[in-house]
Amino acid sequence: MAHISGGKISGSHTTAIDAAIPVVNFLATQESVKKIILGFIDNNAATGGPTRIKVIHEPAGMEVSVSGSGANQKLRVYLDSAVEDPRQKLEQALEGFTESGNYALSFLDRR
């Protein structure tokens, strides 16, 4: 685990699980992302297999759940409304990011 802060990352909780660090760093580079809040860590997640990234669409943005190495962390990602179609741009960027590594990506819409 590591502490991450600054830039687009805000909130009082700055600890990220190892599996989430590359995802957070990637999200922070995206123009459609306005703010990232690191959330709850559950150390009772299953082990083995690829790192799993589940994106849940919500009205204000996305909840991104990252699971890997026996831990799970939730991230809140707020989108920049000044960017045209930020949700679709971020989805496409995440698909490209996950294809380049050992990741399993899924989407759920709660809007």
Protein backbone atom coordinates (compact mmCIF):
# COMPACT_ATOMS: atom_id res chain seq x y z
CA MET A 1 0.00 0.00 0.00
CA ALA A 2 1.09 3.55 -0.64
CA HIS A 3 -0.07 7.08 0.07
CA ILE A 4 -1.15 9.13 -2.95
CA SER A 5 -2.22 12.77 -2.88
CA GLY A 6 -2.16 15.97 -4.87
CA GLY A 7 -3.38 16.97 -8.30
CA LYS A 8 -6.77 15.46 -9.06
CA ILE A 9 -6.64 13.24 -5.97
CA SER A 10 -8.50 14.70 -3.04
CA GLY A 11 -10.11 13.69 0.22
CA SER A 12 -8.66 12.89 3.61
CA HIS A 13 -7.94 9.22 2.84
CA THR A 14 -4.69 8.87 0.84
CA THR A 15 -3.90 5.15 1.11
CA ALA A 16 -4.15 3.05 -2.07
CA ILE A 17 -3.79 -0.72 -2.38
CA ASP A 18 -1.02 -1.94 -4.67
CA ALA A 19 -3.50 -3.05 -7.36
CA ALA A 20 -5.16 0.41 -7.39
CA ILE A 21 -1.99 2.52 -7.72
CA PRO A 22 -1.59 2.11 -11.52
CA VAL A 23 -5.34 2.65 -11.99
CA VAL A 24 -5.33 5.87 -9.92
CA ASN A 25 -2.24 7.15 -11.73
CA PHE A 26 -3.89 6.41 -15.09
CA LEU A 27 -7.17 8.08 -14.11
CA ALA A 28 -5.29 11.19 -12.95
CA THR A 29 -3.90 11.66 -16.47
CA GLN A 30 -7.33 11.68 -18.15
CA GLU A 31 -8.77 15.05 -19.19
CA SER A 32 -12.33 13.84 -18.56
CA VAL A 33 -11.53 13.21 -14.87
CA LYS A 34 -12.04 16.19 -12.58
CA LYS A 35 -11.44 14.60 -9.18
CA ILE A 36 -10.56 11.20 -7.67
CA ILE A 37 -11.36 10.26 -4.08
CA LEU A 38 -9.67 7.17 -2.65
CA GLY A 39 -12.15 5.16 -0.65
CA PHE A 40 -12.73 2.15 1.55
CA ILE A 41 -10.21 -0.73 1.56
CA ASP A 42 -11.39 -4.29 2.20
CA ASN A 43 -8.54 -6.70 2.92
CA ASN A 44 -10.76 -9.79 2.66
CA ALA A 45 -11.00 -9.96 -1.13
CA ALA A 46 -10.25 -13.16 -3.06
CA THR A 47 -6.72 -13.80 -4.24
CA GLY A 48 -5.49 -15.08 -7.58
CA GLY A 49 -6.41 -14.18 -11.12
CA PRO A 50 -6.12 -10.82 -12.83
CA THR A 51 -6.71 -7.48 -11.18
CA ARG A 52 -10.41 -6.74 -11.54
CA ILE A 53 -11.75 -3.27 -12.29
CA LYS A 54 -15.50 -2.73 -12.00
CA VAL A 55 -16.86 0.63 -13.18
CA ILE A 56 -20.28 1.59 -11.86
CA HIS A 57 -21.87 4.55 -13.63
CA GLU A 58 -23.63 6.93 -11.24
CA PRO A 59 -25.27 10.31 -11.84
CA ALA A 60 -22.32 12.37 -10.56
CA GLY A 61 -19.58 10.24 -12.07
CA MET A 62 -18.29 6.72 -11.54
CA GLU A 63 -17.47 4.39 -8.70
CA VAL A 64 -14.42 2.34 -9.66
CA SER A 65 -13.78 -0.80 -7.64
CA VAL A 66 -10.29 -2.30 -7.94
CA SER A 67 -9.64 -5.84 -6.64
CA GLY A 68 -6.32 -7.62 -6.59
CA SER A 69 -3.77 -9.30 -4.31
CA GLY A 70 -6.36 -10.04 -1.62
CA ALA A 71 -7.66 -6.48 -1.27
CA ASN A 72 -10.45 -4.37 -2.77
CA GLN A 73 -10.63 -0.57 -2.91
CA LYS A 74 -13.38 1.76 -4.04
CA LEU A 75 -12.57 4.99 -5.87
CA ARG A 76 -14.98 7.84 -6.61
CA VAL A 77 -14.26 9.46 -9.95
CA TYR A 78 -15.92 12.77 -10.75
CA LEU A 79 -16.13 13.78 -14.38
CA ASP A 80 -15.34 17.16 -15.91
CA SER A 81 -18.54 18.49 -17.50
CA ALA A 82 -16.48 20.95 -19.58
CA VAL A 83 -15.19 17.98 -21.63
CA GLU A 84 -17.49 16.74 -24.38
CA ASP A 85 -18.91 13.28 -23.51
CA PRO A 86 -16.49 12.65 -20.61
CA ARG A 87 -18.11 9.34 -19.61
CA GLN A 88 -17.63 7.73 -23.03
CA LYS A 89 -14.07 9.07 -23.34
CA LEU A 90 -13.12 7.64 -19.97
CA GLU A 91 -14.73 4.28 -20.77
CA GLN A 92 -12.73 4.02 -23.99
CA ALA A 93 -9.54 5.05 -22.21
CA LEU A 94 -10.09 2.42 -19.50
CA GLU A 95 -10.68 -0.25 -22.13
CA GLY A 96 -7.33 0.64 -23.72
CA PHE A 97 -5.60 0.71 -20.33
CA THR A 98 -6.92 -2.72 -19.32
CA GLU A 99 -5.97 -4.29 -22.67
CA SER A 100 -2.34 -3.33 -22.04
CA GLY A 101 -2.11 -5.23 -18.75
CA ASN A 102 -3.45 -8.19 -16.80
CA TYR A 103 -6.86 -6.66 -15.98
CA ALA A 104 -10.48 -7.80 -16.15
CA LEU A 105 -12.86 -4.86 -16.78
CA SER A 106 -16.63 -4.73 -16.31
CA PHE A 107 -19.27 -1.98 -16.37
CA LEU A 108 -22.56 -1.48 -14.53
CA ASP A 109 -24.97 1.42 -14.97
CA ARG A 110 -26.91 2.79 -11.94
CA ARG A 111 -27.95 6.09 -13.49
